[in-house]
Amino acid sequence: MMDDVSAILAPGVYILRLRGRVVFVGAAKRPLVRLYAHANWRRGEPAPAWLPTKPLAFDSIEIRPCHIDALATELERVTAELGWVPTPRAHPVIDWPKVVANA
């Protein structure tokens, strides 16, 4: 049982694994929110169209906390360390300026 949950409350890089294999590496200002999204949408709930987070099947999580200004650098370092190559996203990238302009 995890006694210290502070890692999921601070910015950091998270690694999702399924049966020991890395299935996703991501970075978030609030990992708890992002992990909740991944876990719940995995159960069949539809993801909001405006949020570019894809549903993933995973059974273990590793979080590496870092300063918010170092998220991109840490993500790149962890990805290289693990040898993980991201697959193309199954959803379109959202054009936020266009979404905001049309709101």
PDB file of N, CA and C in Angstrom:
ATOM      1  N   MET A   1       0.832  -1.184   0.000  1.00  0.00           N
ATOM      2  CA  MET A   1       0.000   0.000   0.000  1.00  0.00           C
ATOM      3  C   MET A   1       0.876   1.247   0.000  1.00  0.00           C
ATOM      4  N   MET A   2       0.473   2.241  -0.781  1.00  0.00           N
ATOM      5  CA  MET A   2       1.249   3.463  -0.875  1.00  0.00           C
ATOM      6  C   MET A   2       0.856   4.389   0.275  1.00  0.00           C
ATOM      7  N   ASP A   3       1.850   4.799   1.085  1.00  0.00           N
ATOM      8  CA  ASP A   3       1.584   5.692   2.206  1.00  0.00           C
ATOM      9  C   ASP A   3       1.707   7.158   1.813  1.00  0.00           C
ATOM     10  N   ASP A   4       2.620   7.464   0.925  1.00  0.00           N
ATOM     11  CA  ASP A   4       2.865   8.848   0.525  1.00  0.00           C
ATOM     12  C   ASP A   4       2.330   9.065  -0.882  1.00  0.00           C
ATOM     13  N   VAL A   5       1.278   9.846  -1.000  1.00  0.00           N
ATOM     14  CA  VAL A   5       0.663  10.091  -2.303  1.00  0.00           C
ATOM     15  C   VAL A   5       1.030  11.463  -2.870  1.00  0.00           C
ATOM     16  N   SER A   6       1.992  12.130  -2.253  1.00  0.00           N
ATOM     17  CA  SER A   6       2.343  13.481  -2.697  1.00  0.00           C
ATOM     18  C   SER A   6       2.826  13.531  -4.146  1.00  0.00           C
ATOM     19  N   ALA A   7       3.376  12.448  -4.663  1.00  0.00           N
ATOM     20  CA  ALA A   7       3.877  12.434  -6.041  1.00  0.00           C
ATOM     21  C   ALA A   7       2.773  12.676  -7.063  1.00  0.00           C
ATOM     22  N   ILE A   8       1.545  12.244  -6.772  1.00  0.00           N
ATOM     23  CA  ILE A   8       0.469  12.430  -7.741  1.00  0.00           C
ATOM     24  C   ILE A   8      -0.184  13.802  -7.634  1.00  0.00           C
ATOM     25  N   LEU A   9       0.243  14.583  -6.660  1.00  0.00           N
ATOM     26  CA  LEU A   9      -0.307  15.924  -6.485  1.00  0.00           C
ATOM     27  C   LEU A   9       0.586  17.011  -7.062  1.00  0.00           C
ATOM     28  N   ALA A  10       1.832  16.687  -7.333  1.00  0.00           N
ATOM     29  CA  ALA A  10       2.797  17.663  -7.851  1.00  0.00           C
ATOM     30  C   ALA A  10       3.073  17.394  -9.327  1.00  0.00           C
ATOM     31  N   PRO A  11       3.567  18.386 -10.060  1.00  0.00           N
ATOM     32  CA  PRO A  11       3.908  18.159 -11.475  1.00  0.00           C
ATOM     33  C   PRO A  11       4.908  17.016 -11.619  1.00  0.00           C
ATOM     34  N   GLY A  12       4.802  16.291 -12.723  1.00  0.00           N
ATOM     35  CA  GLY A  12       5.747  15.214 -12.937  1.00  0.00           C
ATOM     36  C   GLY A  12       5.491  14.430 -14.204  1.00  0.00           C
ATOM     37  N   VAL A  13       6.368  13.486 -14.431  1.00  0.00           N
ATOM     38  CA  VAL A  13       6.265  12.574 -15.570  1.00  0.00           C
ATOM     39  C   VAL A  13       5.686  11.273 -15.035  1.00  0.00           C
ATOM     40  N   TYR A  14       4.712  10.726 -15.760  1.00  0.00           N
ATOM     41  CA  TYR A  14       4.113   9.470 -15.320  1.00  0.00           C
ATOM     42  C   TYR A  14       4.304   8.399 -16.387  1.00  0.00           C
ATOM     43  N   ILE A  15       4.495   7.174 -15.906  1.00  0.00           N
ATOM     44  CA  ILE A  15       4.734   6.028 -16.773  1.00  0.00           C
ATOM     45  C   ILE A  15       3.619   5.014 -16.496  1.00  0.00           C
ATOM     46  N   LEU A  16       2.895   4.658 -17.537  1.00  0.00           N
ATOM     47  CA  LEU A  16       1.825   3.667 -17.401  1.00  0.00           C
ATOM     48  C   LEU A  16       2.307   2.357 -18.012  1.00  0.00           C
ATOM     49  N   ARG A  17       2.105   1.275 -17.279  1.00  0.00           N
ATOM     50  CA  ARG A  17       2.529  -0.046 -17.748  1.00  0.00           C
ATOM     51  C   ARG A  17       1.346  -1.007 -17.736  1.00  0.00           C
ATOM     52  N   LEU A  18       1.391  -1.948 -18.647  1.00  0.00           N
ATOM     53  CA  LEU A  18       0.428  -3.039 -18.694  1.00  0.00           C
ATOM     54  C   LEU A  18       1.226  -4.330 -18.757  1.00  0.00           C
ATOM     55  N   ARG A  19       1.069  -5.156 -17.728  1.00  0.00           N
ATOM     56  CA  ARG A  19       1.820  -6.415 -17.610  1.00  0.00           C
ATOM     57  C   ARG A  19       3.330  -6.185 -17.728  1.00  0.00           C
ATOM     58  N   GLY A  20       3.820  -5.090 -17.144  1.00  0.00           N
ATOM     59  CA  GLY A  20       5.244  -4.789 -17.129  1.00  0.00           C
ATOM     60  C   GLY A  20       5.758  -4.023 -18.336  1.00  0.00           C
ATOM     61  N   ARG A  21       4.960  -3.930 -19.386  1.00  0.00           N
ATOM     62  CA  ARG A  21       5.377  -3.232 -20.608  1.00  0.00           C
ATOM     63  C   ARG A  21       4.901  -1.780 -20.576  1.00  0.00           C
ATOM     64  N   VAL A  22       5.783  -0.843 -20.917  1.00  0.00           N
ATOM     65  CA  VAL A  22       5.417   0.570 -20.955  1.00  0.00           C
ATOM     66  C   VAL A  22       4.424   0.784 -22.096  1.00  0.00           C
ATOM     67  N   VAL A  23       3.251   1.346 -21.762  1.00  0.00           N
ATOM     68  CA  VAL A  23       2.247   1.625 -22.786  1.00  0.00           C
ATOM     69  C   VAL A  23       2.095   3.127 -23.026  1.00  0.00           C
ATOM     70  N   PHE A  24       2.565   3.940 -22.059  1.00  0.00           N
ATOM     71  CA  PHE A  24       2.452   5.381 -22.247  1.00  0.00           C
ATOM     72  C   PHE A  24       3.361   6.101 -21.266  1.00  0.00           C
ATOM     73  N   VAL A  25       3.965   7.170 -21.740  1.00  0.00           N
ATOM     74  CA  VAL A  25       4.745   8.067 -20.890  1.00  0.00           C
ATOM     75  C   VAL A  25       4.200   9.461 -21.144  1.00  0.00           C
ATOM     76  N   GLY A  26       3.834  10.157 -20.083  1.00  0.00           N
ATOM     77  CA  GLY A  26       3.272  11.488 -20.233  1.00  0.00           C
ATOM     78  C   GLY A  26       3.762  12.421 -19.142  1.00  0.00           C
ATOM     79  N   ALA A  27       3.489  13.684 -19.310  1.00  0.00           N
ATOM     80  CA  ALA A  27       3.844  14.692 -18.320  1.00  0.00           C
ATOM     81  C   ALA A  27       2.593  15.500 -18.016  1.00  0.00           C
ATOM     82  N   ALA A  28       2.448  15.901 -16.768  1.00  0.00           N
ATOM     83  CA  ALA A  28       1.262  16.653 -16.384  1.00  0.00           C
ATOM     84  C   ALA A  28       1.570  17.585 -15.217  1.00  0.00           C
ATOM     85  N   LYS A  29       0.910  18.728 -15.235  1.00  0.00           N
ATOM     86  CA  LYS A  29       1.009  19.646 -14.100  1.00  0.00           C
ATOM     87  C   LYS A  29       0.304  19.042 -12.889  1.00  0.00           C
ATOM     88  N   ARG A  30      -0.764  18.278 -13.157  1.00  0.00           N
ATOM     89  CA  ARG A  30      -1.531  17.615 -12.103  1.00  0.00           C
ATOM     90  C   ARG A  30      -1.749  16.157 -12.508  1.00  0.00           C
ATOM     91  N   PRO A  31      -0.775  15.288 -12.226  1.00  0.00           N
ATOM     92  CA  PRO A  31      -0.884  13.885 -12.638  1.00  0.00           C
ATOM     93  C   PRO A  31      -2.148  13.180 -12.148  1.00  0.00           C
ATOM     94  N   LEU A  32      -2.630  13.521 -10.962  1.00  0.00           N
ATOM     95  CA  LEU A  32      -3.820  12.864 -10.436  1.00  0.00           C
ATOM     96  C   LEU A  32      -5.006  13.038 -11.380  1.00  0.00           C
ATOM     97  N   VAL A  33      -5.187  14.247 -11.893  1.00  0.00           N
ATOM     98  CA  VAL A  33      -6.289  14.529 -12.814  1.00  0.00           C
ATOM     99  C   VAL A  33      -6.116  13.746 -14.109  1.00  0.00           C
ATOM    100  N   ARG A  34      -4.905  13.749 -14.645  1.00  0.00           N
ATOM    101  CA  ARG A  34      -4.641  13.045 -15.902  1.00  0.00           C
ATOM    102  C   ARG A  34      -4.816  11.547 -15.741  1.00  0.00           C
ATOM    103  N   LEU A  35      -4.323  10.991 -14.636  1.00  0.00           N
ATOM    104  CA  LEU A  35      -4.446   9.550 -14.409  1.00  0.00           C
ATOM    105  C   LEU A  35      -5.900   9.150 -14.209  1.00  0.00           C
ATOM    106  N   TYR A  36      -6.663   9.996 -13.547  1.00  0.00           N
ATOM    107  CA  TYR A  36      -8.091   9.726 -13.388  1.00  0.00           C
ATOM    108  C   TYR A  36      -8.756   9.643 -14.765  1.00  0.00           C
ATOM    109  N   ALA A  37      -8.383  10.573 -15.643  1.00  0.00           N
ATOM    110  CA  ALA A  37      -8.951  10.569 -16.991  1.00  0.00           C
ATOM    111  C   ALA A  37      -8.595   9.285 -17.732  1.00  0.00           C
ATOM    112  N   HIS A  38      -7.321   8.908 -17.708  1.00  0.00           N
ATOM    113  CA  HIS A  38      -6.897   7.674 -18.389  1.00  0.00           C
ATOM    114  C   HIS A  38      -7.643   6.461 -17.829  1.00  0.00           C
ATOM    115  N   ALA A  39      -7.736   6.365 -16.508  1.00  0.00           N
ATOM    116  CA  ALA A  39      -8.343   5.191 -15.873  1.00  0.00           C
ATOM    117  C   ALA A  39      -9.839   5.104 -16.133  1.00  0.00           C
ATOM    118  N   ASN A  40     -10.539   6.192 -16.022  1.00  0.00           N
ATOM    119  CA  ASN A  40     -11.989   6.151 -16.160  1.00  0.00           C
ATOM    120  C   ASN A  40     -12.442   6.026 -17.598  1.00  0.00           C
ATOM    121  N   TRP A  41     -11.778   6.678 -18.500  1.00  0.00           N
ATOM    122  CA  TRP A  41     -12.171   6.554 -19.904  1.00  0.00           C
ATOM    123  C   TRP A  41     -11.815   5.180 -20.435  1.00  0.00           C
ATOM    124  N   ARG A  42     -10.874   4.539 -19.798  1.00  0.00           N
ATOM    125  CA  ARG A  42     -10.527   3.163 -20.164  1.00  0.00           C
ATOM    126  C   ARG A  42     -11.721   2.249 -19.906  1.00  0.00           C
ATOM    127  N   ARG A  43     -12.559   2.606 -18.958  1.00  0.00           N
ATOM    128  CA  ARG A  43     -13.710   1.768 -18.602  1.00  0.00           C
ATOM    129  C   ARG A  43     -14.899   1.977 -19.519  1.00  0.00           C
ATOM    130  N   GLY A  44     -14.722   2.714 -20.592  1.00  0.00           N
ATOM    131  CA  GLY A  44     -15.792   2.852 -21.558  1.00  0.00           C
ATOM    132  C   GLY A  44     -16.546   4.164 -21.524  1.00  0.00           C
ATOM    133  N   GLU A  45     -16.215   5.036 -20.571  1.00  0.00           N
ATOM    134  CA  GLU A  45     -16.873   6.338 -20.550  1.00  0.00           C
ATOM    135  C   GLU A  45     -16.342   7.181 -21.699  1.00  0.00           C
ATOM    136  N   PRO A  46     -17.194   7.928 -22.385  1.00  0.00           N
ATOM    137  CA  PRO A  46     -16.704   8.757 -23.483  1.00  0.00           C
ATOM    138  C   PRO A  46     -15.894   9.933 -22.960  1.00  0.00           C
ATOM    139  N   ALA A  47     -14.759  10.166 -23.584  1.00  0.00           N
ATOM    140  CA  ALA A  47     -13.922  11.320 -23.233  1.00  0.00           C
ATOM    141  C   ALA A  47     -14.528  12.575 -23.847  1.00  0.00           C
ATOM    142  N   PRO A  48     -14.444  13.700 -23.139  1.00  0.00           N
ATOM    143  CA  PRO A  48     -14.939  14.938 -23.741  1.00  0.00           C
ATOM    144  C   PRO A  48     -14.192  15.223 -25.041  1.00  0.00           C
ATOM    145  N   ALA A  49     -14.885  15.706 -26.037  1.00  0.00           N
ATOM    146  CA  ALA A  49     -14.277  15.957 -27.345  1.00  0.00           C
ATOM    147  C   ALA A  49     -13.169  17.003 -27.267  1.00  0.00           C
ATOM    148  N   TRP A  50     -13.242  17.889 -26.286  1.00  0.00           N
ATOM    149  CA  TRP A  50     -12.263  18.985 -26.200  1.00  0.00           C
ATOM    150  C   TRP A  50     -10.970  18.578 -25.514  1.00  0.00           C
ATOM    151  N   LEU A  51     -10.926  17.405 -24.873  1.00  0.00           N
ATOM    152  CA  LEU A  51      -9.738  17.011 -24.128  1.00  0.00           C
ATOM    153  C   LEU A  51      -8.936  15.971 -24.896  1.00  0.00           C
ATOM    154  N   PRO A  52      -7.702  16.309 -25.286  1.00  0.00           N
ATOM    155  CA  PRO A  52      -6.895  15.375 -26.082  1.00  0.00           C
ATOM    156  C   PRO A  52      -6.187  14.319 -25.235  1.00  0.00           C
ATOM    157  N   THR A  53      -6.941  13.529 -24.520  1.00  0.00           N
ATOM    158  CA  THR A  53      -6.399  12.423 -23.735  1.00  0.00           C
ATOM    159  C   THR A  53      -7.049  11.150 -24.223  1.00  0.00           C
ATOM    160  N   LYS A  54      -6.237  10.188 -24.581  1.00  0.00           N
ATOM    161  CA  LYS A  54      -6.808   8.953 -25.108  1.00  0.00           C
ATOM    162  C   LYS A  54      -6.975   7.917 -23.998  1.00  0.00           C
ATOM    163  N   PRO A  55      -7.980   7.049 -24.116  1.00  0.00           N
ATOM    164  CA  PRO A  55      -8.147   6.000 -23.123  1.00  0.00           C
ATOM    165  C   PRO A  55      -7.036   4.959 -23.251  1.00  0.00           C
ATOM    166  N   LEU A  56      -6.554   4.487 -22.116  1.00  0.00           N
ATOM    167  CA  LEU A  56      -5.461   3.523 -22.109  1.00  0.00           C
ATOM    168  C   LEU A  56      -5.741   2.416 -21.108  1.00  0.00           C
ATOM    169  N   ALA A  57      -5.323   1.218 -21.436  1.00  0.00           N
ATOM    170  CA  ALA A  57      -5.373   0.105 -20.492  1.00  0.00           C
ATOM    171  C   ALA A  57      -4.018   0.030 -19.803  1.00  0.00           C
ATOM    172  N   PHE A  58      -4.020   0.066 -18.462  1.00  0.00           N
ATOM    173  CA  PHE A  58      -2.776  -0.039 -17.710  1.00  0.00           C
ATOM    174  C   PHE A  58      -3.071  -0.670 -16.357  1.00  0.00           C
ATOM    175  N   ASP A  59      -2.029  -1.277 -15.761  1.00  0.00           N
ATOM    176  CA  ASP A  59      -2.216  -1.886 -14.453  1.00  0.00           C
ATOM    177  C   ASP A  59      -1.201  -1.417 -13.418  1.00  0.00           C
ATOM    178  N   SER A  60      -0.252  -0.561 -13.822  1.00  0.00           N
ATOM    179  CA  SER A  60       0.662   0.018 -12.837  1.00  0.00           C
ATOM    180  C   SER A  60       1.087   1.417 -13.293  1.00  0.00           C
ATOM    181  N   ILE A  61       1.423   2.227 -12.294  1.00  0.00           N
ATOM    182  CA  ILE A  61       1.779   3.626 -12.528  1.00  0.00           C
ATOM    183  C   ILE A  61       3.072   3.931 -11.795  1.00  0.00           C
ATOM    184  N   GLU A  62       3.956   4.662 -12.461  1.00  0.00           N
ATOM    185  CA  GLU A  62       5.148   5.197 -11.806  1.00  0.00           C
ATOM    186  C   GLU A  62       5.134   6.693 -12.069  1.00  0.00           C
ATOM    187  N   ILE A  63       5.351   7.473 -11.026  1.00  0.00           N
ATOM    188  CA  ILE A  63       5.381   8.926 -11.176  1.00  0.00           C
ATOM    189  C   ILE A  63       6.740   9.445 -10.736  1.00  0.00           C
ATOM    190  N   ARG A  64       7.309  10.296 -11.570  1.00  0.00           N
ATOM    191  CA  ARG A  64       8.583  10.926 -11.261  1.00  0.00           C
ATOM    192  C   ARG A  64       8.346  12.428 -11.151  1.00  0.00           C
ATOM    193  N   PRO A  65       8.200  12.932  -9.921  1.00  0.00           N
ATOM    194  CA  PRO A  65       7.931  14.358  -9.731  1.00  0.00           C
ATOM    195  C   PRO A  65       9.087  15.223 -10.236  1.00  0.00           C
ATOM    196  N   CYS A  66       8.745  16.392 -10.735  1.00  0.00           N
ATOM    197  CA  CYS A  66       9.757  17.359 -11.157  1.00  0.00           C
ATOM    198  C   CYS A  66       9.145  18.754 -11.106  1.00  0.00           C
ATOM    199  N   HIS A  67       9.991  19.750 -11.205  1.00  0.00           N
ATOM    200  CA  HIS A  67       9.511  21.132 -11.209  1.00  0.00           C
ATOM    201  C   HIS A  67       8.698  21.367 -12.475  1.00  0.00           C
ATOM    202  N   ILE A  68       7.674  22.179 -12.362  1.00  0.00           N
ATOM    203  CA  ILE A  68       6.783  22.433 -13.501  1.00  0.00           C
ATOM    204  C   ILE A  68       7.534  22.967 -14.725  1.00  0.00           C
ATOM    205  N   ASP A  69       8.583  23.757 -14.505  1.00  0.00           N
ATOM    206  CA  ASP A  69       9.357  24.305 -15.624  1.00  0.00           C
ATOM    207  C   ASP A  69      10.216  23.253 -16.318  1.00  0.00           C
ATOM    208  N   ALA A  70      10.380  22.085 -15.702  1.00  0.00           N
ATOM    209  CA  ALA A  70      11.230  21.034 -16.263  1.00  0.00           C
ATOM    210  C   ALA A  70      10.433  19.870 -16.843  1.00  0.00           C
ATOM    211  N   LEU A  71       9.117  20.010 -16.957  1.00  0.00           N
ATOM    212  CA  LEU A  71       8.287  18.897 -17.434  1.00  0.00           C
ATOM    213  C   LEU A  71       8.721  18.386 -18.812  1.00  0.00           C
ATOM    214  N   ALA A  72       8.884  19.287 -19.769  1.00  0.00           N
ATOM    215  CA  ALA A  72       9.242  18.859 -21.131  1.00  0.00           C
ATOM    216  C   ALA A  72      10.601  18.174 -21.159  1.00  0.00           C
ATOM    217  N   THR A  73      11.565  18.741 -20.454  1.00  0.00           N
ATOM    218  CA  THR A  73      12.910  18.164 -20.412  1.00  0.00           C
ATOM    219  C   THR A  73      12.905  16.800 -19.733  1.00  0.00           C
ATOM    220  N   GLU A  74      12.183  16.703 -18.626  1.00  0.00           N
ATOM    221  CA  GLU A  74      12.113  15.430 -17.901  1.00  0.00           C
ATOM    222  C   GLU A  74      11.380  14.374 -18.712  1.00  0.00           C
ATOM    223  N   LEU A  75      10.324  14.766 -19.413  1.00  0.00           N
ATOM    224  CA  LEU A  75       9.604  13.834 -20.276  1.00  0.00           C
ATOM    225  C   LEU A  75      10.531  13.270 -21.348  1.00  0.00           C
ATOM    226  N   GLU A  76      11.298  14.144 -21.958  1.00  0.00           N
ATOM    227  CA  GLU A  76      12.246  13.712 -22.990  1.00  0.00           C
ATOM    228  C   GLU A  76      13.295  12.768 -22.400  1.00  0.00           C
ATOM    229  N   ARG A  77      13.804  13.088 -21.208  1.00  0.00           N
ATOM    230  CA  ARG A  77      14.827  12.264 -20.568  1.00  0.00           C
ATOM    231  C   ARG A  77      14.276  10.886 -20.210  1.00  0.00           C
ATOM    232  N   VAL A  78      13.090  10.843 -19.621  1.00  0.00           N
ATOM    233  CA  VAL A  78      12.491   9.561 -19.214  1.00  0.00           C
ATOM    234  C   VAL A  78      12.151   8.712 -20.433  1.00  0.00           C
ATOM    235  N   THR A  79      11.619   9.347 -21.466  1.00  0.00           N
ATOM    236  CA  THR A  79      11.297   8.624 -22.702  1.00  0.00           C
ATOM    237  C   THR A  79      12.549   7.976 -23.289  1.00  0.00           C
ATOM    238  N   ALA A  80      13.651   8.730 -23.317  1.00  0.00           N
ATOM    239  CA  ALA A  80      14.911   8.189 -23.838  1.00  0.00           C
ATOM    240  C   ALA A  80      15.437   7.075 -22.927  1.00  0.00           C
ATOM    241  N   GLU A  81      15.349   7.281 -21.628  1.00  0.00           N
ATOM    242  CA  GLU A  81      15.825   6.279 -20.672  1.00  0.00           C
ATOM    243  C   GLU A  81      15.091   4.946 -20.838  1.00  0.00           C
ATOM    244  N   LEU A  82      13.795   5.028 -21.070  1.00  0.00           N
ATOM    245  CA  LEU A  82      12.986   3.815 -21.214  1.00  0.00           C
ATOM    246  C   LEU A  82      13.029   3.234 -22.626  1.00  0.00           C
ATOM    247  N   GLY A  83      13.510   4.023 -23.574  1.00  0.00           N
ATOM    248  CA  GLY A  83      13.513   3.573 -24.960  1.00  0.00           C
ATOM    249  C   GLY A  83      12.112   3.490 -25.527  1.00  0.00           C
ATOM    250  N   TRP A  84      11.202   4.277 -24.970  1.00  0.00           N
ATOM    251  CA  TRP A  84       9.807   4.250 -25.394  1.00  0.00           C
ATOM    252  C   TRP A  84       9.590   5.173 -26.580  1.00  0.00           C
ATOM    253  N   VAL A  85       8.965   4.651 -27.608  1.00  0.00           N
ATOM    254  CA  VAL A  85       8.660   5.437 -28.798  1.00  0.00           C
ATOM    255  C   VAL A  85       7.151   5.606 -28.863  1.00  0.00           C
ATOM    256  N   PRO A  86       6.672   6.860 -28.786  1.00  0.00           N
ATOM    257  CA  PRO A  86       5.221   7.055 -28.817  1.00  0.00           C
ATOM    258  C   PRO A  86       4.620   6.649 -30.151  1.00  0.00           C
ATOM    259  N   THR A  87       3.415   6.113 -30.078  1.00  0.00           N
ATOM    260  CA  THR A  87       2.689   5.781 -31.296  1.00  0.00           C
ATOM    261  C   THR A  87       1.842   6.982 -31.686  1.00  0.00           C
ATOM    262  N   PRO A  88       1.480   7.098 -32.947  1.00  0.00           N
ATOM    263  CA  PRO A  88       0.645   8.234 -33.353  1.00  0.00           C
ATOM    264  C   PRO A  88      -0.666   8.234 -32.577  1.00  0.00           C
ATOM    265  N   ARG A  89      -1.124   9.410 -32.244  1.00  0.00           N
ATOM    266  CA  ARG A  89      -2.370   9.541 -31.484  1.00  0.00           C
ATOM    267  C   ARG A  89      -3.556   9.095 -32.329  1.00  0.00           C
ATOM    268  N   ALA A  90      -4.511   8.502 -31.654  1.00  0.00           N
ATOM    269  CA  ALA A  90      -5.706   8.013 -32.337  1.00  0.00           C
ATOM    270  C   ALA A  90      -6.754   9.114 -32.492  1.00  0.00           C
ATOM    271  N   HIS A  91      -6.450  10.287 -31.992  1.00  0.00           N
ATOM    272  CA  HIS A  91      -7.394  11.390 -32.067  1.00  0.00           C
ATOM    273  C   HIS A  91      -6.706  12.606 -32.675  1.00  0.00           C
ATOM    274  N   PRO A  92      -7.450  13.536 -33.211  1.00  0.00           N
ATOM    275  CA  PRO A  92      -6.832  14.716 -33.806  1.00  0.00           C
ATOM    276  C   PRO A  92      -6.271  15.655 -32.742  1.00  0.00           C
ATOM    277  N   VAL A  93      -5.248  16.398 -33.110  1.00  0.00           N
ATOM    278  CA  VAL A  93      -4.710  17.426 -32.235  1.00  0.00           C
ATOM    279  C   VAL A  93      -5.670  18.611 -32.290  1.00  0.00           C
ATOM    280  N   ILE A  94      -5.975  19.153 -31.133  1.00  0.00           N
ATOM    281  CA  ILE A  94      -6.959  20.226 -31.066  1.00  0.00           C
ATOM    282  C   ILE A  94      -6.295  21.575 -31.315  1.00  0.00           C
ATOM    283  N   ASP A  95      -6.901  22.373 -32.154  1.00  0.00           N
ATOM    284  CA  ASP A  95      -6.437  23.726 -32.451  1.00  0.00           C
ATOM    285  C   ASP A  95      -7.103  24.655 -31.438  1.00  0.00           C
ATOM    286  N   TRP A  96      -6.449  24.850 -30.269  1.00  0.00           N
ATOM    287  CA  TRP A  96      -7.069  25.613 -29.185  1.00  0.00           C
ATOM    288  C   TRP A  96      -7.428  27.036 -29.566  1.00  0.00           C
ATOM    289  N   PRO A  97      -6.568  27.788 -30.281  1.00  0.00           N
ATOM    290  CA  PRO A  97      -6.969  29.146 -30.660  1.00  0.00           C
ATOM    291  C   PRO A  97      -8.276  29.164 -31.460  1.00  0.00           C
ATOM    292  N   LYS A  98      -8.457  28.181 -32.327  1.00  0.00           N
ATOM    293  CA  LYS A  98      -9.684  28.108 -33.123  1.00  0.00           C
ATOM    294  C   LYS A  98     -10.893  27.782 -32.243  1.00  0.00           C
ATOM    295  N   VAL A  99     -10.698  26.862 -31.294  1.00  0.00           N
ATOM    296  CA  VAL A  99     -11.789  26.500 -30.394  1.00  0.00           C
ATOM    297  C   VAL A  99     -12.227  27.699 -29.579  1.00  0.00           C
ATOM    298  N   VAL A 100     -11.252  28.445 -29.043  1.00  0.00           N
ATOM    299  CA  VAL A 100     -11.549  29.620 -28.225  1.00  0.00           C
ATOM    300  C   VAL A 100     -12.217  30.701 -29.071  1.00  0.00           C
ATOM    301  N   ALA A 101     -11.740  30.908 -30.282  1.00  0.00           N
ATOM    302  CA  ALA A 101     -12.298  31.941 -31.154  1.00  0.00           C
ATOM    303  C   ALA A 101     -13.750  31.648 -31.521  1.00  0.00           C
ATOM    304  N   ASN A 102     -14.095  30.365 -31.619  1.00  0.00           N
ATOM    305  CA  ASN A 102     -15.456  29.992 -32.001  1.00  0.00           C
ATOM    306  C   ASN A 102     -16.393  29.818 -30.812  1.00  0.00           C
ATOM    307  N   ALA A 103     -15.881  30.014 -29.608  1.00  0.00           N
ATOM    308  CA  ALA A 103     -16.700  29.805 -28.393  1.00  0.00           C
ATOM    309  C   ALA A 103     -17.689  30.936 -28.174  1.00  0.00           C
TER     310      ALA A 103
END
